[in-house]
């Protein structure tokens, strides 16, 4: 009975190992772009990796070859103990890495400037405006043109450029949807910009990539790209459900909380984003228990 049992366990281990291997090989995050920005960022990453491999691979091969040839058991491997200078070898040794660094810097420089977060994305559809506010520890999304808002829920029409304005009502955070691209910081009293586009409908995880306190690991949301018609229906549904986001409800949102479920507000002050930026820039009093990042520390970030 022991042999079949041992074989059964072995088969299970093989199946588990195969499943883990397949899961590890499945592209996720920045390696599985679902928009033009993320695709361009992946191209810069792959180009940079390929350029660096031009140096890394020959160095590894040469190291192994030298170690094998000059092993102790090889009587044909001899070397002179006299120190000598060979200009041609020095030229090759230093010129190739220098050219690689120049090429790598050029590719990164050009690619980074072409991906300016503020640069608009060319598309036939009219851009959608979304204001993002980082709170402890949740995300507030305001749709100023639609007059609605949502917490930890971002719905956008697929194929439509989305113009984000971001700020923080608390400490510094980082807005990041890996499959759509471009991690951008949110800072109190400041306004940052980002343009993204989802090529096709789908659900793409988003989170804060910057440590901001106890609830940072649960500061997550789903960026849901839907067809244009479904987005209009979602807006209509939102306007008929939920509560208005007035001053009292916003004050409740500013209190620290973790793992907040998605919520929708049927109405919101279209100037709420500007008010939050102005209030945090002037240094308002913080609710009890809320963290605060001094302006000097923000500037240094």
Protein backbone atom coordinates (compact mmCIF):
# COMPACT_ATOMS: atom_id res chain seq x y z
CA UNK A 1 0.00 0.00 0.00
CA UNK A 2 2.90 2.35 0.55
CA UNK A 3 4.04 2.39 -3.07
CA UNK A 4 0.70 3.56 -4.55
CA UNK A 5 0.39 6.12 -1.78
CA UNK A 6 3.88 7.41 -2.48
CA UNK A 7 3.12 7.58 -6.19
CA UNK A 8 -0.12 9.44 -5.50
CA UNK A 9 1.73 12.01 -3.44
CA UNK A 10 4.36 12.32 -6.15
CA UNK A 11 1.69 12.89 -8.79
CA UNK A 12 0.09 15.56 -6.61
CA UNK A 13 3.42 17.32 -6.18
CA UNK A 14 4.00 17.22 -9.94
CA UNK A 15 0.54 18.65 -10.63
CA UNK A 16 0.98 21.41 -8.05
CA UNK A 17 4.42 22.23 -9.44
CA UNK A 18 3.05 22.36 -12.99
CA UNK A 19 0.19 24.62 -11.90
CA UNK A 20 2.59 26.97 -10.15
CA UNK A 21 4.84 27.01 -13.21
CA UNK A 22 1.94 27.87 -15.52
CA UNK A 23 0.75 30.58 -13.12
CA UNK A 24 4.25 32.03 -12.93
CA UNK A 25 4.55 32.09 -16.72
CA UNK A 26 1.24 33.91 -17.17
CA UNK A 27 1.96 37.61 -17.84
CA UNK A 28 0.45 39.96 -15.27
CA UNK A 29 0.74 43.60 -14.35
CA UNK A 30 3.17 45.66 -16.40
CA UNK A 31 3.97 42.62 -18.59
CA UNK A 32 0.30 42.31 -19.61
CA UNK A 33 -0.56 45.79 -20.91
CA UNK A 34 -4.16 46.62 -21.74
CA UNK A 35 -3.59 50.16 -23.00
CA UNK A 36 -1.18 52.19 -25.15
CA UNK A 37 0.67 53.73 -22.20
CA UNK A 38 1.37 50.40 -20.51
CA UNK A 39 2.35 48.86 -23.87
CA UNK A 40 4.87 51.65 -24.51
CA UNK A 41 6.28 51.25 -20.98
CA UNK A 42 6.71 47.51 -21.52
CA UNK A 43 8.54 48.22 -24.79
CA UNK A 44 10.98 50.54 -22.97
CA UNK A 45 11.50 47.84 -20.33
CA UNK A 46 12.14 45.10 -22.92
CA UNK A 47 14.47 47.32 -24.98
CA UNK A 48 16.46 48.22 -21.87
CA UNK A 49 16.72 44.57 -20.87
CA UNK A 50 17.89 43.55 -24.36
CA UNK A 51 20.55 46.27 -24.42
CA UNK A 52 21.88 45.25 -21.00
CA UNK A 53 21.98 41.59 -22.03
CA UNK A 54 24.46 42.55 -24.77
CA UNK A 55 26.96 43.03 -21.94
CA UNK A 56 25.63 40.61 -19.34
CA UNK A 57 25.47 37.48 -21.53
CA UNK A 58 29.04 37.75 -22.96
CA UNK A 59 30.40 38.48 -19.47
CA UNK A 60 28.73 35.37 -18.04
CA UNK A 61 29.91 33.19 -20.94
CA UNK A 62 33.45 34.57 -20.74
CA UNK A 63 33.57 34.06 -16.97
CA UNK A 64 32.55 30.41 -17.31
CA UNK A 65 34.99 29.90 -20.19
CA UNK A 66 37.91 31.40 -18.25
CA UNK A 67 37.04 29.38 -15.15
CA UNK A 68 36.96 26.17 -17.22
CA UNK A 69 40.15 26.87 -19.18
CA UNK A 70 42.25 28.01 -16.23
CA UNK A 71 41.15 25.19 -13.97
CA UNK A 72 43.90 23.51 -11.92
CA UNK A 73 43.69 20.25 -13.88
CA UNK A 74 44.41 21.85 -17.28
CA UNK A 75 48.17 21.67 -17.96
CA UNK A 76 47.83 23.70 -21.19
CA UNK A 77 46.51 26.77 -19.35
CA UNK A 78 49.52 28.97 -18.74
CA UNK A 79 49.77 32.66 -18.08
CA UNK A 80 52.62 35.10 -17.69
CA UNK A 81 53.25 36.57 -14.28
CA UNK A 82 54.70 39.74 -15.82
CA UNK A 83 52.35 42.72 -15.69
CA UNK A 84 51.83 44.26 -19.14
CA UNK A 85 49.54 46.91 -20.66
CA UNK A 86 47.63 46.17 -23.84
CA UNK A 87 45.98 49.27 -25.25
CA UNK A 88 43.74 47.44 -27.71
CA UNK A 89 42.26 45.23 -25.02
CA UNK A 90 41.68 48.23 -22.75
CA UNK A 91 39.98 50.08 -25.60
CA UNK A 92 37.56 47.23 -26.26
CA UNK A 93 37.00 46.60 -22.55
CA UNK A 94 35.92 50.18 -21.88
CA UNK A 95 34.40 51.31 -25.18
CA UNK A 96 31.71 48.60 -25.40
CA UNK A 97 30.24 49.25 -21.92
CA UNK A 98 30.44 53.01 -22.56
CA UNK A 99 28.48 52.64 -25.80
CA UNK A 100 25.94 50.42 -24.05
CA UNK A 101 25.43 53.01 -21.30
CA UNK A 102 24.99 55.78 -23.90
CA UNK A 103 22.51 53.69 -25.90
CA UNK A 104 20.61 52.62 -22.79
CA UNK A 105 20.43 56.20 -21.53
CA UNK A 106 19.17 57.41 -24.91
CA UNK A 107 16.44 54.76 -25.13
CA UNK A 108 15.29 55.47 -21.58
CA UNK A 109 15.42 59.26 -22.02
CA UNK A 110 13.44 59.28 -25.28
CA UNK A 111 10.94 56.69 -24.09
CA UNK A 112 10.34 58.48 -20.78
CA UNK A 113 9.74 61.86 -22.42
CA UNK A 114 7.38 60.36 -24.98
CA UNK A 115 5.38 58.99 -22.05
CA UNK A 116 4.84 62.33 -20.36
CA UNK A 117 1.86 61.69 -18.02
CA UNK A 118 0.32 65.06 -18.92
CA UNK A 119 0.45 64.40 -22.67
CA UNK A 120 -3.04 63.80 -24.11
CA UNK A 121 -3.79 60.49 -25.83
CA UNK A 122 -4.95 60.71 -29.43
CA UNK A 123 -8.34 59.03 -29.88
CA UNK A 124 -11.65 59.56 -31.64
CA UNK A 125 -13.65 59.65 -28.40
CA UNK A 126 -13.90 62.70 -26.18
CA UNK A 127 -11.74 62.33 -23.05
CA UNK A 128 -13.40 61.50 -19.75
CA UNK A 129 -12.39 63.61 -16.73
CA UNK A 130 -11.90 61.86 -13.40
CA UNK A 131 -10.62 63.49 -10.21
CA UNK A 132 -8.82 61.18 -7.77
CA UNK A 133 -8.43 61.85 -4.04
CA UNK A 134 -6.32 59.60 -1.82
CA UNK A 135 -7.76 59.16 1.67
CA UNK A 136 -6.90 57.02 4.72
CA UNK A 137 -7.09 54.28 3.33
CA UNK A 138 -9.35 54.44 0.35
CA UNK A 139 -9.71 56.10 -3.05
CA UNK A 140 -12.33 58.69 -3.91
CA UNK A 141 -13.14 59.05 -7.62
CA UNK A 142 -15.08 62.14 -8.70
CA UNK A 143 -16.68 62.45 -12.13
CA UNK A 144 -17.11 66.25 -12.42
CA UNK A 145 -18.89 66.18 -15.79
CA UNK A 146 -21.32 63.45 -14.71
CA UNK A 147 -21.84 64.89 -11.20
CA UNK A 148 -21.28 61.56 -9.40
CA UNK A 149 -18.56 60.04 -7.21
CA UNK A 150 -17.44 56.58 -6.09
CA UNK A 151 -15.18 55.09 -3.43
CA UNK A 152 -12.83 52.25 -4.39
CA UNK A 153 -14.63 51.84 -7.70
CA UNK A 154 -13.40 53.26 -10.99
CA UNK A 155 -15.55 52.69 -14.08
CA UNK A 156 -14.42 54.08 -17.45
CA UNK A 157 -15.49 53.49 -21.06
CA UNK A 158 -13.09 51.31 -23.04
CA UNK A 159 -11.35 53.05 -25.94
CA UNK A 160 -11.85 56.47 -24.34
CA UNK A 161 -8.94 58.55 -23.00
CA UNK A 162 -9.25 59.28 -19.30
CA UNK A 163 -7.79 62.51 -17.93
CA UNK A 164 -6.96 62.09 -14.26
CA UNK A 165 -6.32 64.86 -11.77
CA UNK A 166 -4.97 63.55 -8.49
CA UNK A 167 -4.34 64.88 -5.03
CA UNK A 168 -4.25 63.59 -1.46
CA UNK A 169 -6.33 64.65 1.51
CA UNK A 170 -3.80 62.95 3.75
CA UNK A 171 -0.20 61.72 3.39
CA UNK A 172 1.54 60.94 0.12
CA UNK A 173 0.20 57.97 -1.84
CA UNK A 174 0.82 56.51 -5.27
CA UNK A 175 -1.91 55.87 -7.85
CA UNK A 176 -1.06 52.81 -9.95
CA UNK A 177 -2.99 50.57 -12.35
CA UNK A 178 -0.17 48.35 -13.71
CA UNK A 179 -2.02 47.04 -16.77
CA UNK A 180 -2.89 50.59 -17.87
CA UNK A 181 0.43 52.19 -16.93
CA UNK A 182 2.19 55.06 -15.18
CA UNK A 183 2.49 55.16 -11.42
CA UNK A 184 1.96 58.78 -10.28
CA UNK A 185 2.15 60.18 -6.76
CA UNK A 186 -0.69 61.99 -5.02
CA UNK A 187 0.37 64.70 -2.56
CA UNK A 188 -1.56 66.98 -0.25
CA UNK A 189 -1.93 70.52 -1.52
CA UNK A 190 -0.71 69.53 -4.98
CA UNK A 191 -2.37 68.49 -8.24
CA UNK A 192 -0.81 65.90 -10.54
CA UNK A 193 -2.03 64.77 -13.94
CA UNK A 194 -2.20 61.47 -15.80
CA UNK A 195 -3.72 60.29 -19.07
CA UNK A 196 -4.61 56.62 -19.54
CA UNK A 197 -6.69 54.53 -21.93
CA UNK A 198 -8.02 50.97 -21.74
CA UNK A 199 -7.98 49.28 -25.14
CA UNK A 200 -10.69 46.74 -24.34
CA UNK A 201 -13.28 45.98 -21.67
CA UNK A 202 -11.94 44.29 -18.56
CA UNK A 203 -11.21 44.61 -14.87
CA UNK A 204 -7.75 45.85 -13.95
CA UNK A 205 -6.49 45.96 -10.34
CA UNK A 206 -5.30 49.29 -8.96
CA UNK A 207 -3.65 50.13 -5.66
CA UNK A 208 -1.40 52.52 -3.78
CA UNK A 209 2.24 51.66 -4.46
CA UNK A 210 3.47 53.90 -1.63
CA UNK A 211 3.43 53.00 2.08
CA UNK A 212 1.06 55.39 3.84
CA UNK A 213 0.13 53.72 7.11
CA UNK A 214 -1.53 50.66 8.60
CA UNK A 215 -4.23 50.31 5.93
CA UNK A 216 -1.98 50.85 2.91
CA UNK A 217 -1.99 47.18 1.88
CA UNK A 218 -5.80 47.25 1.61
CA UNK A 219 -5.93 50.53 -0.31
CA UNK A 220 -7.05 48.81 -3.50
CA UNK A 221 -9.67 49.27 -6.20
CA UNK A 222 -10.74 47.78 -9.53
CA UNK A 223 -10.50 49.86 -12.68
CA UNK A 224 -13.38 48.50 -14.74
CA UNK A 225 -13.39 49.32 -18.45
CA UNK A 226 -16.78 48.81 -20.06
CA UNK A 227 -18.36 49.58 -23.47
CA UNK A 228 -19.52 53.17 -23.90
CA UNK A 229 -23.19 52.20 -23.66
CA UNK A 230 -22.61 50.30 -20.42
CA UNK A 231 -20.78 53.29 -18.97
CA UNK A 232 -23.73 55.58 -19.69
CA UNK A 233 -26.06 53.08 -18.04
CA UNK A 234 -23.76 52.88 -15.01
CA UNK A 235 -23.82 56.68 -14.71
CA UNK A 236 -27.62 56.69 -14.91
CA UNK A 237 -27.81 53.97 -12.25
CA UNK A 238 -25.41 55.87 -10.01
CA UNK A 239 -27.49 59.03 -10.25
CA UNK A 240 -30.53 57.12 -9.04
CA UNK A 241 -28.82 55.28 -6.19
CA UNK A 242 -26.67 56.04 -3.20
CA UNK A 243 -26.46 59.24 -1.19
CA UNK A 244 -25.25 62.73 -2.08
CA UNK A 245 -21.62 63.37 -1.16
CA UNK A 246 -22.14 66.43 1.03
CA UNK A 247 -19.77 67.95 3.58
CA UNK A 248 -20.89 65.65 6.38
CA UNK A 249 -20.36 62.47 4.35
CA UNK A 250 -17.01 63.70 3.07
CA UNK A 251 -15.93 64.37 6.67
CA UNK A 252 -16.76 60.74 7.44
CA UNK A 253 -14.68 59.60 4.47
CA UNK A 254 -11.62 61.46 5.74
CA UNK A 255 -11.57 59.34 8.90
CA UNK A 256 -9.10 56.43 8.73
CA UNK A 257 -10.73 53.13 7.71
CA UNK A 258 -9.55 49.88 6.15
CA UNK A 259 -10.90 47.54 3.46
CA UNK A 260 -13.74 49.91 2.59
CA UNK A 261 -16.26 48.33 0.19
CA UNK A 262 -17.12 50.18 -3.04
CA UNK A 263 -19.67 52.96 -2.64
CA UNK A 264 -21.45 55.27 -5.08
CA UNK A 265 -22.68 58.84 -4.50
CA UNK A 266 -25.44 60.12 -6.73
CA UNK A 267 -24.30 63.75 -6.54
CA UNK A 268 -21.18 65.67 -5.64
CA UNK A 269 -19.95 69.25 -5.63
CA UNK A 270 -18.12 69.65 -8.99
CA UNK A 271 -15.56 71.87 -7.21
CA UNK A 272 -14.87 69.40 -4.38
CA UNK A 273 -11.50 68.48 -5.83
CA UNK A 274 -10.35 72.10 -5.91
CA UNK A 275 -11.60 72.61 -2.34
CA UNK A 276 -9.60 69.60 -1.14
CA UNK A 277 -6.44 70.90 -2.80
CA UNK A 278 -6.90 74.36 -1.31
CA UNK A 279 -7.68 73.04 2.18
CA UNK A 280 -4.71 70.69 2.31
CA UNK A 281 -2.40 73.36 0.90
CA UNK A 282 -3.35 75.69 3.74
CA UNK A 283 -2.79 72.98 6.35
CA UNK A 284 -6.19 72.20 7.90
CA UNK A 285 -6.65 70.58 11.26
CA UNK A 286 -6.49 66.82 10.98
CA UNK A 287 -9.11 64.44 12.39
CA UNK A 288 -8.06 62.51 15.47
CA UNK A 289 -5.88 59.56 14.56
CA UNK A 290 -5.18 60.73 10.99
CA UNK A 291 -1.62 60.91 9.75
CA UNK A 292 -0.14 64.09 8.35
CA UNK A 293 2.88 64.59 6.13
CA UNK A 294 4.67 67.93 6.66
CA UNK A 295 5.11 70.09 3.53
CA UNK A 296 8.90 69.79 3.71
CA UNK A 297 8.66 66.01 3.65
CA UNK A 298 6.31 66.13 0.67
CA UNK A 299 8.65 68.35 -1.29
CA UNK A 300 11.46 65.92 -0.63
CA UNK A 301 9.35 63.02 -1.97
